[in-house]
Structures are given as C-alpha cells and as structure tokens.
C-alpha cells in the first residue's frame, strides 16, 4: 500500500509532470489547502432577467391588448374561447369607464340616428352660415355661381372644422348639443389626429370631387345596415364609432 500523501507538497521537478503544478492563488496557498469561507456570499442573479422570478417579457404598452383596455393580456384570448368572439379590447371595465348598453360590455349605447342626423344638420347649417357670410361680399346669389361658391367654401370650412373639433375631444358643436361623441372603436378614447382628419376627409372630399349630396346618402345608408356599430363609411375608414354621452 502506498503511503504517498497527495495533499503534501511536491518537490520541484520531482516525479510529477510540470502541468500538474498549481499556480499560487491570491493570498497564498493552493485550492486544496485554502480554508473555505464560513460566510459565503450569495451568487449574483443571472443576467438578462429579473431576480424576483417574474417574466422578462416586456409589458404591453398602452394601446396593446393588455389590462389597460380591459382585453386579455398580450392580445391572447382565454383558453378554449374563439378569439373572433372577443369584443374590441377597449370595451371592458376600464375601457369606456362606465358600463353601458352598447353592443359589448362597458360600451355606451350607440348614438341613435335621429341624434346623429340632427347633429350633422346643426353643424352643416353653422358652417354654411359662416361660408355665406364670407362669400356674400364677392358673389352674386342671384345666379348659380354664388351658390356654388358658398357650397365649395362651406365644404372646405367643414373639413377644417370637423377635423379640428374631433381631434380635440371627439365632439363638434352639433354633437355636443345632441349628446353624442366620436370615439375610437379599439379603446373608446377620443379620435387620434389621423383618425379625426381621415373621418372628416372621407365624409367631405368625395362630395366635393364628384357626388355632392349623393355621396352623403350612400355614406349614411351604409351605416344603417352596418351591425352592430352602425358605422358609416367615414367611420369604417377612421375606425371610429359614435356613442352617446348621457
């Protein structure tokens, strides 16, 4: 039986290959004869993820299908439920703010056609009155040119008026009077600037370019048959919906 002690010191160059010689450790000694630390420090958490065990996936920002708008987290449908049966994510408990009688939970009732038509009529008369006042010094209303000039100017003013008003709070003066407002279909918020101007442009420009009042009839009738949100063509283009405010 060998009595060789492997932990003992080896003579320089004696019997052991040179690559078995261990280099001195900081503070002296070799790994075999260094005393163990009685109070070891905890290992640092792994990089690339939080140390509290939570997921490292970035949270969804506002506008995503997270809890902000009442939809399933990350846009996922509950297990076993058809994703196409889900309402827009804004119409949960935190979307429009108060439960309503709209097509989906949390959504206020859709604006009725009498209210919407009267709101349009109020806005149209206000804008045309301004247009007539501006055109009157320069146009002869005894012939058709004066009427056409007032109509074109009125359409231009209406485009600016509706785009600015809807982008501010979702309501024109007519809509305020009739207690309806325009909201984004996805979350119930006021229209974005792009949505407000898209809605105004799709309502006005086709009438100016080719169809006059005939376009407004087509646009309105589209909404009559649209279910469940009663969206006219300009609402479809802007992804908006008209709801009540009372």
C-alpha atoms as a PDB file:
ATOM      1  CA  UNK A   1       0.000   0.000   0.000  1.00  0.00           C
ATOM      2  CA  UNK A   2       1.298   3.432  -0.953  1.00  0.00           C
ATOM      3  CA  UNK A   3       1.806   5.963   1.818  1.00  0.00           C
ATOM      4  CA  UNK A   4       2.104   8.902  -0.514  1.00  0.00           C
ATOM      5  CA  UNK A   5       0.117  11.904   0.702  1.00  0.00           C
ATOM      6  CA  UNK A   6      -1.434  13.674  -2.348  1.00  0.00           C
ATOM      7  CA  UNK A   7      -2.014  16.826  -0.348  1.00  0.00           C
ATOM      8  CA  UNK A   8       1.582  17.161   0.610  1.00  0.00           C
ATOM      9  CA  UNK A   9       3.975  19.459  -1.119  1.00  0.00           C
ATOM     10  CA  UNK A  10       5.820  18.107  -4.123  1.00  0.00           C
ATOM     11  CA  UNK A  11       9.487  18.717  -4.698  1.00  0.00           C
ATOM     12  CA  UNK A  12      10.343  20.854  -7.602  1.00  0.00           C
ATOM     13  CA  UNK A  13      10.731  18.656 -10.671  1.00  0.00           C
ATOM     14  CA  UNK A  14      10.296  15.518  -8.632  1.00  0.00           C
ATOM     15  CA  UNK A  15       8.265  12.757 -10.188  1.00  0.00           C
ATOM     16  CA  UNK A  16       5.265  14.827 -11.224  1.00  0.00           C
ATOM     17  CA  UNK A  17       4.700  16.293 -14.684  1.00  0.00           C
ATOM     18  CA  UNK A  18       5.117  20.035 -14.777  1.00  0.00           C
ATOM     19  CA  UNK A  19       1.492  20.648 -15.887  1.00  0.00           C
ATOM     20  CA  UNK A  20       0.250  19.188 -12.540  1.00  0.00           C
ATOM     21  CA  UNK A  21       1.896  22.010 -10.645  1.00  0.00           C
ATOM     22  CA  UNK A  22      -0.719  24.518  -9.478  1.00  0.00           C
ATOM     23  CA  UNK A  23      -0.064  28.193  -9.668  1.00  0.00           C
ATOM     24  CA  UNK A  24      -0.174  30.107  -6.402  1.00  0.00           C
ATOM     25  CA  UNK A  25      -3.577  31.581  -5.554  1.00  0.00           C
ATOM     26  CA  UNK A  26      -4.058  35.181  -4.463  1.00  0.00           C
ATOM     27  CA  UNK A  27      -3.370  35.415  -0.758  1.00  0.00           C
ATOM     28  CA  UNK A  28      -1.170  32.302  -0.768  1.00  0.00           C
ATOM     29  CA  UNK A  29      -1.854  28.585  -0.845  1.00  0.00           C
ATOM     30  CA  UNK A  30      -3.404  26.297  -3.387  1.00  0.00           C
ATOM     31  CA  UNK A  31      -7.106  25.452  -3.918  1.00  0.00           C
ATOM     32  CA  UNK A  32      -6.593  22.293  -1.834  1.00  0.00           C
ATOM     33  CA  UNK A  33      -5.221  23.983   1.295  1.00  0.00           C
ATOM     34  CA  UNK A  34      -7.264  27.228   1.262  1.00  0.00           C
ATOM     35  CA  UNK A  35      -9.780  27.375   4.071  1.00  0.00           C
ATOM     36  CA  UNK A  36     -13.404  27.573   2.998  1.00  0.00           C
ATOM     37  CA  UNK A  37     -15.284  30.829   3.558  1.00  0.00           C
ATOM     38  CA  UNK A  38     -17.559  30.377   6.588  1.00  0.00           C
ATOM     39  CA  UNK A  39     -19.956  33.069   5.286  1.00  0.00           C
ATOM     40  CA  UNK A  40     -20.200  32.605   1.528  1.00  0.00           C
ATOM     41  CA  UNK A  41     -21.760  35.490  -0.361  1.00  0.00           C
ATOM     42  CA  UNK A  42     -24.887  34.667  -2.381  1.00  0.00           C
ATOM     43  CA  UNK A  43     -24.440  34.145  -6.085  1.00  0.00           C
ATOM     44  CA  UNK A  44     -25.497  37.123  -8.189  1.00  0.00           C
ATOM     45  CA  UNK A  45     -28.771  36.717 -10.118  1.00  0.00           C
ATOM     46  CA  UNK A  46     -28.407  35.671 -13.746  1.00  0.00           C
ATOM     47  CA  UNK A  47     -28.265  38.484 -16.219  1.00  0.00           C
ATOM     48  CA  UNK A  48     -30.977  39.063 -18.808  1.00  0.00           C
ATOM     49  CA  UNK A  49     -33.982  38.656 -16.495  1.00  0.00           C
ATOM     50  CA  UNK A  50     -35.432  39.980 -13.238  1.00  0.00           C
ATOM     51  CA  UNK A  51     -34.352  38.380  -9.948  1.00  0.00           C
ATOM     52  CA  UNK A  52     -37.837  38.140  -8.440  1.00  0.00           C
ATOM     53  CA  UNK A  53     -38.977  35.307 -10.658  1.00  0.00           C
ATOM     54  CA  UNK A  54     -41.245  37.368 -12.852  1.00  0.00           C
ATOM     55  CA  UNK A  55     -41.260  37.008 -16.608  1.00  0.00           C
ATOM     56  CA  UNK A  56     -38.716  39.010 -18.557  1.00  0.00           C
ATOM     57  CA  UNK A  57     -41.164  39.672 -21.378  1.00  0.00           C
ATOM     58  CA  UNK A  58     -41.666  43.430 -21.789  1.00  0.00           C
ATOM     59  CA  UNK A  59     -45.074  44.640 -20.722  1.00  0.00           C
ATOM     60  CA  UNK A  60     -47.511  45.754 -23.336  1.00  0.00           C
ATOM     61  CA  UNK A  61     -47.767  49.486 -23.791  1.00  0.00           C
ATOM     62  CA  UNK A  62     -50.997  51.472 -23.885  1.00  0.00           C
ATOM     63  CA  UNK A  63     -52.957  50.612 -26.984  1.00  0.00           C
ATOM     64  CA  UNK A  64     -51.986  46.944 -26.809  1.00  0.00           C
ATOM     65  CA  UNK A  65     -54.370  44.227 -25.746  1.00  0.00           C
ATOM     66  CA  UNK A  66     -53.209  44.356 -22.145  1.00  0.00           C
ATOM     67  CA  UNK A  67     -55.106  45.113 -18.979  1.00  0.00           C
ATOM     68  CA  UNK A  68     -55.133  48.827 -19.771  1.00  0.00           C
ATOM     69  CA  UNK A  69     -58.084  48.474 -22.076  1.00  0.00           C
ATOM     70  CA  UNK A  70     -59.806  45.517 -20.489  1.00  0.00           C
ATOM     71  CA  UNK A  71     -58.694  42.928 -23.055  1.00  0.00           C
ATOM     72  CA  UNK A  72     -56.794  39.659 -22.467  1.00  0.00           C
ATOM     73  CA  UNK A  73     -53.113  40.113 -21.633  1.00  0.00           C
ATOM     74  CA  UNK A  74     -50.915  40.374 -24.683  1.00  0.00           C
ATOM     75  CA  UNK A  75     -53.859  40.109 -27.055  1.00  0.00           C
ATOM     76  CA  UNK A  76     -54.453  36.449 -26.218  1.00  0.00           C
ATOM     77  CA  UNK A  77     -57.929  35.017 -25.930  1.00  0.00           C
ATOM     78  CA  UNK A  78     -58.862  32.961 -22.862  1.00  0.00           C
ATOM     79  CA  UNK A  79     -58.207  29.222 -23.311  1.00  0.00           C
ATOM     80  CA  UNK A  80     -60.967  27.461 -25.178  1.00  0.00           C
ATOM     81  CA  UNK A  81     -62.573  30.695 -26.416  1.00  0.00           C
ATOM     82  CA  UNK A  82     -62.777  31.718 -30.036  1.00  0.00           C
ATOM     83  CA  UNK A  83     -60.637  34.877 -30.498  1.00  0.00           C
ATOM     84  CA  UNK A  84     -63.111  36.209 -33.043  1.00  0.00           C
ATOM     85  CA  UNK A  85     -65.832  36.220 -30.395  1.00  0.00           C
ATOM     86  CA  UNK A  86     -63.907  38.768 -28.342  1.00  0.00           C
ATOM     87  CA  UNK A  87     -65.100  42.411 -28.271  1.00  0.00           C
ATOM     88  CA  UNK A  88     -62.678  45.216 -29.045  1.00  0.00           C
ATOM     89  CA  UNK A  89     -60.268  45.444 -26.110  1.00  0.00           C
ATOM     90  CA  UNK A  90     -61.379  48.904 -25.078  1.00  0.00           C
ATOM     91  CA  UNK A  91     -64.853  47.893 -24.027  1.00  0.00           C
ATOM     92  CA  UNK A  92     -64.092  46.125 -20.788  1.00  0.00           C
ATOM     93  CA  UNK A  93     -64.361  47.537 -17.280  1.00  0.00           C
ATOM     94  CA  UNK A  94     -61.529  50.007 -17.868  1.00  0.00           C
ATOM     95  CA  UNK A  95     -62.251  50.993 -21.469  1.00  0.00           C
ATOM     96  CA  UNK A  96     -65.088  53.497 -21.650  1.00  0.00           C
ATOM     97  CA  UNK A  97     -65.154  53.841 -17.890  1.00  0.00           C
ATOM     98  CA  UNK A  98     -68.791  53.028 -17.130  1.00  0.00           C
ATOM     99  CA  UNK A  99     -70.861  50.011 -18.115  1.00  0.00           C
ATOM    100  CA  UNK A 100     -73.343  50.815 -20.840  1.00  0.00           C
ATOM    101  CA  UNK A 101     -75.950  49.308 -23.079  1.00  0.00           C
ATOM    102  CA  UNK A 102     -73.706  49.159 -26.130  1.00  0.00           C
ATOM    103  CA  UNK A 103     -73.052  46.080 -28.265  1.00  0.00           C
ATOM    104  CA  UNK A 104     -70.204  44.948 -25.986  1.00  0.00           C
ATOM    105  CA  UNK A 105     -69.655  45.228 -22.212  1.00  0.00           C
ATOM    106  CA  UNK A 106     -68.544  48.644 -20.988  1.00  0.00           C
ATOM    107  CA  UNK A 107     -69.528  50.437 -24.198  1.00  0.00           C
ATOM    108  CA  UNK A 108     -72.119  53.240 -24.007  1.00  0.00           C
ATOM    109  CA  UNK A 109     -75.172  52.969 -26.244  1.00  0.00           C
ATOM    110  CA  UNK A 110     -74.552  53.640 -29.915  1.00  0.00           C
ATOM    111  CA  UNK A 111     -75.734  57.094 -30.946  1.00  0.00           C
ATOM    112  CA  UNK A 112     -79.226  56.934 -32.402  1.00  0.00           C
ATOM    113  CA  UNK A 113     -79.850  58.029 -35.970  1.00  0.00           C
ATOM    114  CA  UNK A 114     -82.107  60.984 -35.041  1.00  0.00           C
ATOM    115  CA  UNK A 115     -79.354  62.369 -32.790  1.00  0.00           C
ATOM    116  CA  UNK A 116     -76.647  61.837 -35.365  1.00  0.00           C
ATOM    117  CA  UNK A 117     -78.659  63.366 -38.199  1.00  0.00           C
ATOM    118  CA  UNK A 118     -79.636  66.394 -36.128  1.00  0.00           C
ATOM    119  CA  UNK A 119     -76.002  66.843 -35.053  1.00  0.00           C
ATOM    120  CA  UNK A 120     -74.918  66.844 -38.716  1.00  0.00           C
ATOM    121  CA  UNK A 121     -77.670  69.274 -39.612  1.00  0.00           C
ATOM    122  CA  UNK A 122     -76.657  71.691 -36.854  1.00  0.00           C
ATOM    123  CA  UNK A 123     -73.020  71.567 -37.925  1.00  0.00           C
ATOM    124  CA  UNK A 124     -73.886  71.945 -41.603  1.00  0.00           C
ATOM    125  CA  UNK A 125     -76.094  74.993 -41.016  1.00  0.00           C
ATOM    126  CA  UNK A 126     -73.490  76.650 -38.792  1.00  0.00           C
ATOM    127  CA  UNK A 127     -70.706  76.109 -41.319  1.00  0.00           C
ATOM    128  CA  UNK A 128     -72.817  77.160 -44.311  1.00  0.00           C
ATOM    129  CA  UNK A 129     -73.853  80.322 -42.484  1.00  0.00           C
ATOM    130  CA  UNK A 130     -70.192  81.203 -41.999  1.00  0.00           C
ATOM    131  CA  UNK A 131     -69.481  80.394 -45.660  1.00  0.00           C
ATOM    132  CA  UNK A 132     -72.324  82.595 -46.880  1.00  0.00           C
ATOM    133  CA  UNK A 133     -71.123  85.487 -44.731  1.00  0.00           C
ATOM    134  CA  UNK A 134     -67.606  85.136 -46.152  1.00  0.00           C
ATOM    135  CA  UNK A 135     -68.732  84.748 -49.775  1.00  0.00           C
ATOM    136  CA  UNK A 136     -71.526  87.346 -49.755  1.00  0.00           C
ATOM    137  CA  UNK A 137     -69.315  90.392 -50.462  1.00  0.00           C
ATOM    138  CA  UNK A 138     -67.802  88.730 -53.527  1.00  0.00           C
ATOM    139  CA  UNK A 139     -70.601  86.603 -55.025  1.00  0.00           C
ATOM    140  CA  UNK A 140     -73.965  87.201 -56.655  1.00  0.00           C
ATOM    141  CA  UNK A 141     -76.522  84.857 -55.115  1.00  0.00           C
ATOM    142  CA  UNK A 142     -78.987  85.693 -57.897  1.00  0.00           C
ATOM    143  CA  UNK A 143     -77.140  83.248 -60.125  1.00  0.00           C
ATOM    144  CA  UNK A 144     -75.767  79.761 -59.586  1.00  0.00           C
ATOM    145  CA  UNK A 145     -72.141  80.835 -59.232  1.00  0.00           C
ATOM    146  CA  UNK A 146     -72.800  82.396 -55.865  1.00  0.00           C
ATOM    147  CA  UNK A 147     -74.458  79.255 -54.524  1.00  0.00           C
ATOM    148  CA  UNK A 148     -71.691  77.023 -55.855  1.00  0.00           C
ATOM    149  CA  UNK A 149     -69.035  79.255 -54.362  1.00  0.00           C
ATOM    150  CA  UNK A 150     -70.739  79.174 -50.971  1.00  0.00           C
ATOM    151  CA  UNK A 151     -71.053  75.371 -51.173  1.00  0.00           C
ATOM    152  CA  UNK A 152     -67.375  74.842 -52.012  1.00  0.00           C
ATOM    153  CA  UNK A 153     -66.212  77.240 -49.349  1.00  0.00           C
ATOM    154  CA  UNK A 154     -68.589  75.632 -46.883  1.00  0.00           C
ATOM    155  CA  UNK A 155     -67.129  72.187 -47.611  1.00  0.00           C
ATOM    156  CA  UNK A 156     -63.611  73.468 -47.060  1.00  0.00           C
ATOM    157  CA  UNK A 157     -64.580  75.090 -43.776  1.00  0.00           C
ATOM    158  CA  UNK A 158     -66.447  71.957 -42.723  1.00  0.00           C
ATOM    159  CA  UNK A 159     -63.373  69.808 -43.357  1.00  0.00           C
ATOM    160  CA  UNK A 160     -61.238  72.032 -41.130  1.00  0.00           C
ATOM    161  CA  UNK A 161     -63.979  72.415 -38.536  1.00  0.00           C
ATOM    162  CA  UNK A 162     -64.666  68.709 -38.132  1.00  0.00           C
ATOM    163  CA  UNK A 163     -61.016  67.647 -38.232  1.00  0.00           C
ATOM    164  CA  UNK A 164     -60.051  70.145 -35.536  1.00  0.00           C
ATOM    165  CA  UNK A 165     -63.073  69.551 -33.299  1.00  0.00           C
ATOM    166  CA  UNK A 166     -62.952  65.755 -33.410  1.00  0.00           C
ATOM    167  CA  UNK A 167     -59.207  65.740 -32.811  1.00  0.00           C
ATOM    168  CA  UNK A 168     -59.730  67.886 -29.716  1.00  0.00           C
ATOM    169  CA  UNK A 169     -62.415  65.945 -27.831  1.00  0.00           C
ATOM    170  CA  UNK A 170     -64.435  63.877 -30.310  1.00  0.00           C
ATOM    171  CA  UNK A 171     -67.331  66.352 -30.485  1.00  0.00           C
ATOM    172  CA  UNK A 172     -68.454  69.093 -32.828  1.00  0.00           C
ATOM    173  CA  UNK A 173     -70.937  71.724 -31.655  1.00  0.00           C
ATOM    174  CA  UNK A 174     -73.782  69.723 -33.139  1.00  0.00           C
ATOM    175  CA  UNK A 175     -72.645  66.550 -31.391  1.00  0.00           C
ATOM    176  CA  UNK A 176     -72.354  68.403 -28.090  1.00  0.00           C
ATOM    177  CA  UNK A 177     -75.911  69.655 -28.495  1.00  0.00           C
ATOM    178  CA  UNK A 178     -77.181  66.138 -29.250  1.00  0.00           C
ATOM    179  CA  UNK A 179     -75.078  64.422 -26.547  1.00  0.00           C
ATOM    180  CA  UNK A 180     -73.120  62.122 -28.815  1.00  0.00           C
ATOM    181  CA  UNK A 181     -69.414  61.840 -29.444  1.00  0.00           C
ATOM    182  CA  UNK A 182     -66.972  60.115 -31.763  1.00  0.00           C
ATOM    183  CA  UNK A 183     -64.701  57.523 -30.144  1.00  0.00           C
ATOM    184  CA  UNK A 184     -62.002  55.152 -31.321  1.00  0.00           C
ATOM    185  CA  UNK A 185     -63.535  51.721 -31.760  1.00  0.00           C
ATOM    186  CA  UNK A 186     -60.473  49.973 -30.316  1.00  0.00           C
ATOM    187  CA  UNK A 187     -60.397  51.687 -26.912  1.00  0.00           C
ATOM    188  CA  UNK A 188     -63.144  54.282 -26.530  1.00  0.00           C
ATOM    189  CA  UNK A 189     -60.737  57.214 -26.390  1.00  0.00           C
ATOM    190  CA  UNK A 190     -61.160  60.410 -28.366  1.00  0.00           C
ATOM    191  CA  UNK A 191     -60.115  60.086 -32.007  1.00  0.00           C
ATOM    192  CA  UNK A 192     -56.442  60.361 -32.788  1.00  0.00           C
ATOM    193  CA  UNK A 193     -55.429  63.226 -35.049  1.00  0.00           C
ATOM    194  CA  UNK A 194     -55.054  60.898 -38.025  1.00  0.00           C
ATOM    195  CA  UNK A 195     -58.452  59.302 -37.337  1.00  0.00           C
ATOM    196  CA  UNK A 196     -60.149  62.687 -36.920  1.00  0.00           C
ATOM    197  CA  UNK A 197     -58.817  64.029 -40.208  1.00  0.00           C
ATOM    198  CA  UNK A 198     -59.450  60.758 -42.050  1.00  0.00           C
ATOM    199  CA  UNK A 199     -63.054  60.759 -40.884  1.00  0.00           C
ATOM    200  CA  UNK A 200     -63.574  64.368 -41.950  1.00  0.00           C
ATOM    201  CA  UNK A 201     -61.891  63.868 -45.317  1.00  0.00           C
ATOM    202  CA  UNK A 202     -63.820  60.719 -46.233  1.00  0.00           C
ATOM    203  CA  UNK A 203     -67.061  62.497 -45.377  1.00  0.00           C
ATOM    204  CA  UNK A 204     -66.340  65.704 -47.327  1.00  0.00           C
ATOM    205  CA  UNK A 205     -63.939  65.108 -50.227  1.00  0.00           C
ATOM    206  CA  UNK A 206     -65.990  62.614 -52.292  1.00  0.00           C
ATOM    207  CA  UNK A 207     -68.915  65.052 -52.166  1.00  0.00           C
ATOM    208  CA  UNK A 208     -66.699  67.874 -53.402  1.00  0.00           C
ATOM    209  CA  UNK A 209     -64.949  65.836 -56.097  1.00  0.00           C
ATOM    210  CA  UNK A 210     -67.849  64.083 -57.778  1.00  0.00           C
ATOM    211  CA  UNK A 211     -71.007  63.197 -55.935  1.00  0.00           C
ATOM    212  CA  UNK A 212     -72.232  66.175 -53.909  1.00  0.00           C
ATOM    213  CA  UNK A 213     -75.121  65.240 -51.609  1.00  0.00           C
ATOM    214  CA  UNK A 214     -75.477  61.826 -53.296  1.00  0.00           C
ATOM    215  CA  UNK A 215     -72.295  60.710 -51.504  1.00  0.00           C
ATOM    216  CA  UNK A 216     -73.757  61.602 -48.123  1.00  0.00           C
ATOM    217  CA  UNK A 217     -76.818  59.443 -48.852  1.00  0.00           C
ATOM    218  CA  UNK A 218     -74.591  56.463 -49.738  1.00  0.00           C
ATOM    219  CA  UNK A 219     -72.389  57.087 -46.720  1.00  0.00           C
ATOM    220  CA  UNK A 220     -75.346  57.313 -44.351  1.00  0.00           C
ATOM    221  CA  UNK A 221     -77.195  54.292 -45.745  1.00  0.00           C
ATOM    222  CA  UNK A 222     -74.067  52.192 -45.273  1.00  0.00           C
ATOM    223  CA  UNK A 223     -74.287  52.904 -41.562  1.00  0.00           C
ATOM    224  CA  UNK A 224     -77.968  51.999 -41.419  1.00  0.00           C
ATOM    225  CA  UNK A 225     -77.190  48.422 -42.427  1.00  0.00           C
ATOM    226  CA  UNK A 226     -73.927  48.075 -40.500  1.00  0.00           C
ATOM    227  CA  UNK A 227     -74.132  45.850 -37.412  1.00  0.00           C
ATOM    228  CA  UNK A 228     -73.528  46.143 -34.526  1.00  0.00           C
ATOM    229  CA  UNK A 229     -71.718  49.518 -34.505  1.00  0.00           C
ATOM    230  CA  UNK A 230     -73.719  51.450 -37.140  1.00  0.00           C
ATOM    231  CA  UNK A 231     -70.539  52.695 -38.761  1.00  0.00           C
ATOM    232  CA  UNK A 232     -70.846  54.823 -41.860  1.00  0.00           C
ATOM    233  CA  UNK A 233     -68.113  54.653 -44.483  1.00  0.00           C
ATOM    234  CA  UNK A 234     -66.219  57.536 -42.873  1.00  0.00           C
ATOM    235  CA  UNK A 235     -66.337  55.652 -39.538  1.00  0.00           C
ATOM    236  CA  UNK A 236     -65.036  52.477 -41.160  1.00  0.00           C
ATOM    237  CA  UNK A 237     -62.170  54.407 -42.752  1.00  0.00           C
ATOM    238  CA  UNK A 238     -61.194  56.070 -39.460  1.00  0.00           C
ATOM    239  CA  UNK A 239     -62.008  53.047 -37.216  1.00  0.00           C
ATOM    240  CA  UNK A 240     -64.347  55.168 -35.114  1.00  0.00           C
ATOM    241  CA  UNK A 241     -67.830  54.772 -33.654  1.00  0.00           C
ATOM    242  CA  UNK A 242     -70.467  57.279 -32.485  1.00  0.00           C
ATOM    243  CA  UNK A 243     -71.704  56.756 -28.904  1.00  0.00           C
ATOM    244  CA  UNK A 244     -73.928  58.677 -26.513  1.00  0.00           C
ATOM    245  CA  UNK A 245     -72.584  60.800 -23.674  1.00  0.00           C
ATOM    246  CA  UNK A 246     -75.584  60.681 -21.319  1.00  0.00           C
END
